[in-house]
């Protein structure tokens, strides 16, 4: 008897699950007066009310924006410069995977929230809140949200980069900033951020490169050519970075660079 129950429990368990799955709907149907099962219907139906159509389109637009929100965060904020500089710092020190990518991305994200907070507050007060209070239309809300972001990107974008994409978009001699489309401004802003990040990365490399050269020269003079210089220089580079409070200096300089216009 005991062996039979063990076999039943171990061998025929999938059969029990199948029986429960088959007879459970019948049980709930027979006891419909005691059990209530939620129902969800998704469909398309005709309407003569334009407001319902506009609301549906707004919902689709909001879902689309939410789906591309990570790309917007990368393209239209300070995240690009921050994460590239942190990557250069890790390569210059030579710590391979330390700090991990999760730590660098998390630090870049929180610094992005800190830097972009005034811009988002302005977009919220001028665009989102008036729209939620039904004071302005949806089109005006989008415009009011877009303007603070455009002002931020213009402050960080070089004129030569804007001119490059204006020529490729066949926009000749734009009169003012309003004549430059956002689709032209975004790539201009991104390559400007990449150039600035590379300039900062070059400056970061110089002190660590000097340490590598000194250590290599000392090892060569001592005849220790088989010993990897990176193995000896890494502690000195870490010591230098800690003694000068490198994270404080680097983070403060990066944040100030956005508030001083690049």
Protein backbone atom coordinates (compact mmCIF):
# COMPACT_ATOMS: atom_id res chain seq x y z
CA UNK A 1 0.00 0.00 0.00
CA UNK A 2 2.71 2.45 0.93
CA UNK A 3 4.72 1.68 -2.21
CA UNK A 4 1.57 2.14 -4.30
CA UNK A 5 0.90 5.59 -2.91
CA UNK A 6 4.52 6.60 -3.50
CA UNK A 7 4.32 5.52 -7.12
CA UNK A 8 1.05 7.38 -7.50
CA UNK A 9 2.54 10.56 -6.09
CA UNK A 10 5.72 10.51 -8.16
CA UNK A 11 4.77 8.87 -11.45
CA UNK A 12 1.23 10.07 -12.05
CA UNK A 13 1.59 13.68 -10.87
CA UNK A 14 1.38 15.08 -14.45
CA UNK A 15 -1.80 13.04 -14.95
CA UNK A 16 -3.35 14.62 -11.81
CA UNK A 17 -2.47 18.12 -13.06
CA UNK A 18 -4.07 17.34 -16.44
CA UNK A 19 -7.27 16.07 -14.78
CA UNK A 20 -7.51 19.18 -12.60
CA UNK A 21 -6.98 21.42 -15.62
CA UNK A 22 -9.72 19.64 -17.56
CA UNK A 23 -12.37 19.42 -14.85
CA UNK A 24 -11.76 22.75 -13.12
CA UNK A 25 -13.80 24.76 -15.71
CA UNK A 26 -16.67 22.29 -15.33
CA UNK A 27 -16.59 22.69 -11.57
CA UNK A 28 -16.66 26.48 -11.76
CA UNK A 29 -19.47 26.37 -14.30
CA UNK A 30 -21.55 24.09 -12.12
CA UNK A 31 -21.05 26.37 -9.15
CA UNK A 32 -21.40 29.68 -10.98
CA UNK A 33 -23.73 30.98 -8.29
CA UNK A 34 -20.94 30.58 -5.69
CA UNK A 35 -17.79 31.52 -7.67
CA UNK A 36 -17.32 34.70 -9.72
CA UNK A 37 -14.63 34.66 -12.38
CA UNK A 38 -13.51 38.02 -13.84
CA UNK A 39 -13.95 38.56 -17.55
CA UNK A 40 -11.83 40.78 -19.82
CA UNK A 41 -12.87 41.86 -23.28
CA UNK A 42 -10.59 43.67 -25.73
CA UNK A 43 -12.02 44.74 -29.05
CA UNK A 44 -12.60 47.47 -31.61
CA UNK A 45 -15.99 49.02 -32.07
CA UNK A 46 -17.33 51.90 -34.13
CA UNK A 47 -18.12 55.24 -32.54
CA UNK A 48 -19.51 58.58 -33.65
CA UNK A 49 -17.90 60.48 -30.78
CA UNK A 50 -14.61 62.15 -31.83
CA UNK A 51 -13.60 62.55 -28.18
CA UNK A 52 -13.38 58.78 -27.73
CA UNK A 53 -11.16 58.51 -30.80
CA UNK A 54 -8.90 61.31 -29.54
CA UNK A 55 -8.63 59.67 -26.12
CA UNK A 56 -7.71 56.33 -27.68
CA UNK A 57 -5.02 57.97 -29.80
CA UNK A 58 -3.63 59.73 -26.74
CA UNK A 59 -3.42 56.41 -24.89
CA UNK A 60 -1.57 54.84 -27.82
CA UNK A 61 0.80 57.82 -27.93
CA UNK A 62 1.50 57.62 -24.20
CA UNK A 63 2.22 53.88 -24.43
CA UNK A 64 4.56 54.56 -27.36
CA UNK A 65 6.43 57.22 -25.39
CA UNK A 66 6.76 54.85 -22.44
CA UNK A 67 8.18 52.14 -24.71
CA UNK A 68 10.91 54.46 -26.03
CA UNK A 69 11.52 56.17 -22.68
CA UNK A 70 14.94 54.50 -22.21
CA UNK A 71 16.06 55.77 -25.61
CA UNK A 72 14.82 59.26 -24.75
CA UNK A 73 16.75 59.09 -21.49
CA UNK A 74 19.91 58.22 -23.40
CA UNK A 75 19.51 60.73 -26.23
CA UNK A 76 18.12 63.86 -24.59
CA UNK A 77 19.75 63.96 -21.16
CA UNK A 78 23.19 64.04 -19.56
CA UNK A 79 23.41 60.25 -19.36
CA UNK A 80 25.58 59.86 -22.48
CA UNK A 81 28.41 62.05 -21.23
CA UNK A 82 28.35 60.55 -17.75
CA UNK A 83 28.47 56.87 -18.71
CA UNK A 84 31.19 57.40 -21.35
CA UNK A 85 33.40 59.30 -18.90
CA UNK A 86 32.94 56.61 -16.24
CA UNK A 87 33.90 53.98 -18.82
CA UNK A 88 37.07 55.91 -19.70
CA UNK A 89 37.92 56.21 -16.01
CA UNK A 90 37.69 52.47 -15.47
CA UNK A 91 39.86 51.80 -18.52
CA UNK A 92 42.44 54.40 -17.45
CA UNK A 93 42.81 52.92 -13.98
CA UNK A 94 42.92 49.42 -15.44
CA UNK A 95 40.59 47.75 -12.96
CA UNK A 96 38.88 45.70 -15.69
CA UNK A 97 35.34 45.15 -14.37
CA UNK A 98 35.60 47.23 -11.20
CA UNK A 99 33.36 49.09 -10.56
CA UNK A 100 30.83 46.78 -12.24
CA UNK A 101 28.64 48.01 -15.09
CA UNK A 102 25.57 47.99 -12.83
CA UNK A 103 27.27 50.38 -10.40
CA UNK A 104 28.44 52.78 -13.12
CA UNK A 105 25.05 52.78 -14.86
CA UNK A 106 23.24 53.31 -11.56
CA UNK A 107 25.54 56.22 -10.64
CA UNK A 108 25.08 57.74 -14.09
CA UNK A 109 21.30 57.39 -13.82
CA UNK A 110 21.05 59.06 -10.42
CA UNK A 111 23.38 61.86 -11.50
CA UNK A 112 21.18 62.26 -14.57
CA UNK A 113 18.12 62.62 -12.35
CA UNK A 114 19.96 65.23 -10.28
CA UNK A 115 21.17 67.22 -13.28
CA UNK A 116 17.87 67.06 -15.18
CA UNK A 117 15.65 67.80 -12.18
CA UNK A 118 15.27 71.56 -12.93
CA UNK A 119 14.43 70.76 -16.55
CA UNK A 120 11.83 68.15 -15.60
CA UNK A 121 10.30 70.42 -12.95
CA UNK A 122 9.88 73.14 -15.54
CA UNK A 123 8.36 70.70 -18.03
CA UNK A 124 5.99 69.42 -15.36
CA UNK A 125 4.84 72.87 -14.22
CA UNK A 126 4.43 74.27 -17.74
CA UNK A 127 3.14 71.24 -19.62
CA UNK A 128 2.01 68.22 -17.63
CA UNK A 129 0.16 69.83 -14.73
CA UNK A 130 -1.79 72.37 -16.89
CA UNK A 131 -2.83 69.51 -19.17
CA UNK A 132 -3.97 67.35 -16.26
CA UNK A 133 -5.97 70.33 -14.97
CA UNK A 134 -7.53 70.70 -18.45
CA UNK A 135 -6.09 74.19 -18.85
CA UNK A 136 -4.29 73.53 -22.15
CA UNK A 137 -4.65 71.08 -25.02
CA UNK A 138 -2.56 67.97 -25.52
CA UNK A 139 -0.63 69.59 -28.38
CA UNK A 140 0.23 72.61 -26.25
CA UNK A 141 1.31 70.33 -23.42
CA UNK A 142 3.72 68.48 -25.71
CA UNK A 143 5.16 71.78 -26.88
CA UNK A 144 5.59 73.07 -23.32
CA UNK A 145 7.30 69.82 -22.26
CA UNK A 146 9.59 69.87 -25.28
CA UNK A 147 10.83 73.44 -24.84
CA UNK A 148 12.83 72.94 -21.57
CA UNK A 149 14.50 69.86 -23.07
CA UNK A 150 15.39 71.80 -26.21
CA UNK A 151 16.85 74.64 -24.14
CA UNK A 152 18.98 72.16 -22.20
CA UNK A 153 20.25 70.47 -25.36
CA UNK A 154 21.01 73.78 -27.07
CA UNK A 155 23.17 74.86 -24.11
CA UNK A 156 25.28 71.69 -24.44
CA UNK A 157 25.43 71.47 -28.26
CA UNK A 158 28.15 72.99 -30.40
CA UNK A 159 27.14 75.20 -33.28
CA UNK A 160 29.31 73.23 -35.70
CA UNK A 161 27.39 70.03 -34.90
CA UNK A 162 24.05 71.76 -35.37
CA UNK A 163 25.26 73.23 -38.67
CA UNK A 164 26.35 69.77 -39.84
CA UNK A 165 22.92 68.20 -39.39
CA UNK A 166 21.17 71.29 -40.71
CA UNK A 167 23.12 70.93 -43.95
CA UNK A 168 22.27 67.24 -44.17
CA UNK A 169 18.59 68.07 -43.52
CA UNK A 170 18.75 70.80 -46.23
CA UNK A 171 17.94 73.55 -43.73
CA UNK A 172 19.80 76.65 -44.90
CA UNK A 173 20.52 79.54 -42.53
CA UNK A 174 17.92 78.92 -39.78
CA UNK A 175 16.79 82.24 -38.33
CA UNK A 176 16.64 81.12 -34.72
CA UNK A 177 16.50 78.03 -32.51
CA UNK A 178 12.80 77.52 -33.22
CA UNK A 179 13.61 76.93 -36.88
CA UNK A 180 15.76 73.90 -35.99
CA UNK A 181 13.65 70.71 -35.70
CA UNK A 182 14.07 68.46 -32.69
CA UNK A 183 15.06 65.58 -34.97
CA UNK A 184 18.03 67.69 -36.05
CA UNK A 185 18.86 68.86 -32.54
CA UNK A 186 18.97 65.40 -30.92
CA UNK A 187 21.81 63.88 -33.04
CA UNK A 188 23.68 67.18 -32.84
CA UNK A 189 23.41 67.06 -29.06
CA UNK A 190 24.57 63.44 -28.93
CA UNK A 191 27.76 63.90 -30.96
CA UNK A 192 28.54 67.02 -28.94
CA UNK A 193 28.17 65.00 -25.75
CA UNK A 194 30.42 62.27 -27.16
CA UNK A 195 33.10 64.80 -28.09
CA UNK A 196 32.98 66.38 -24.65
CA UNK A 197 33.16 62.95 -22.99
CA UNK A 198 36.19 62.01 -25.11
CA UNK A 199 37.93 65.26 -24.14
CA UNK A 200 37.35 64.55 -20.46
CA UNK A 201 38.50 60.96 -20.97
CA UNK A 202 41.77 62.18 -22.53
CA UNK A 203 42.45 64.37 -19.49
CA UNK A 204 41.67 61.45 -17.17
CA UNK A 205 44.17 59.22 -18.94
CA UNK A 206 47.18 61.55 -18.51
CA UNK A 207 48.03 61.01 -14.80
CA UNK A 208 47.46 57.26 -14.99
CA UNK A 209 49.52 57.04 -18.17
CA UNK A 210 52.40 58.80 -16.42
CA UNK A 211 52.28 56.24 -13.61
CA UNK A 212 52.34 53.39 -16.15
CA UNK A 213 55.38 54.91 -17.90
CA UNK A 214 57.27 55.42 -14.64
CA UNK A 215 56.57 51.87 -13.46
CA UNK A 216 57.55 50.42 -16.84
CA UNK A 217 60.83 52.37 -16.83
CA UNK A 218 61.67 51.22 -13.30
CA UNK A 219 60.93 47.58 -14.11
CA UNK A 220 62.97 47.78 -17.32
CA UNK A 221 65.95 49.30 -15.49
CA UNK A 222 65.76 46.52 -12.89
CA UNK A 223 65.69 43.87 -15.59
CA UNK A 224 62.24 42.64 -14.56
CA UNK A 225 60.89 42.56 -18.08
CA UNK A 226 58.74 39.49 -17.50
CA UNK A 227 56.70 41.16 -14.76
CA UNK A 228 53.55 42.89 -16.16
CA UNK A 229 53.76 46.64 -15.44
CA UNK A 230 49.98 46.84 -14.93
CA UNK A 231 50.33 44.50 -11.94
CA UNK A 232 52.63 46.97 -10.20
CA UNK A 233 51.08 50.24 -11.38
CA UNK A 234 47.50 49.36 -10.45
CA UNK A 235 47.95 49.83 -6.67
CA UNK A 236 49.70 53.16 -7.25
CA UNK A 237 46.92 54.37 -9.54
CA UNK A 238 44.28 53.36 -7.01
CA UNK A 239 46.25 55.09 -4.26
CA UNK A 240 46.53 58.27 -6.32
CA UNK A 241 42.81 58.27 -7.13
CA UNK A 242 41.88 57.78 -3.49
CA UNK A 243 44.31 60.38 -2.13
CA UNK A 244 43.04 63.12 -4.43
CA UNK A 245 39.41 62.10 -3.70
CA UNK A 246 38.89 61.31 -7.36
CA UNK A 247 35.19 60.45 -7.23
CA UNK A 248 34.41 63.77 -5.54
CA UNK A 249 36.43 65.78 -8.04
CA UNK A 250 35.20 63.91 -11.11
CA UNK A 251 31.52 63.90 -10.11
CA UNK A 252 31.57 67.55 -9.11
CA UNK A 253 33.29 68.56 -12.35
CA UNK A 254 30.82 66.58 -14.46
CA UNK A 255 27.78 68.09 -12.75
CA UNK A 256 29.19 71.62 -12.95
CA UNK A 257 29.96 71.17 -16.65
CA UNK A 258 26.24 70.96 -17.42
CA UNK A 259 25.31 74.03 -15.42
CA UNK A 260 28.08 76.11 -16.98
CA UNK A 261 26.98 75.34 -20.54
CA UNK A 262 29.35 72.51 -21.50
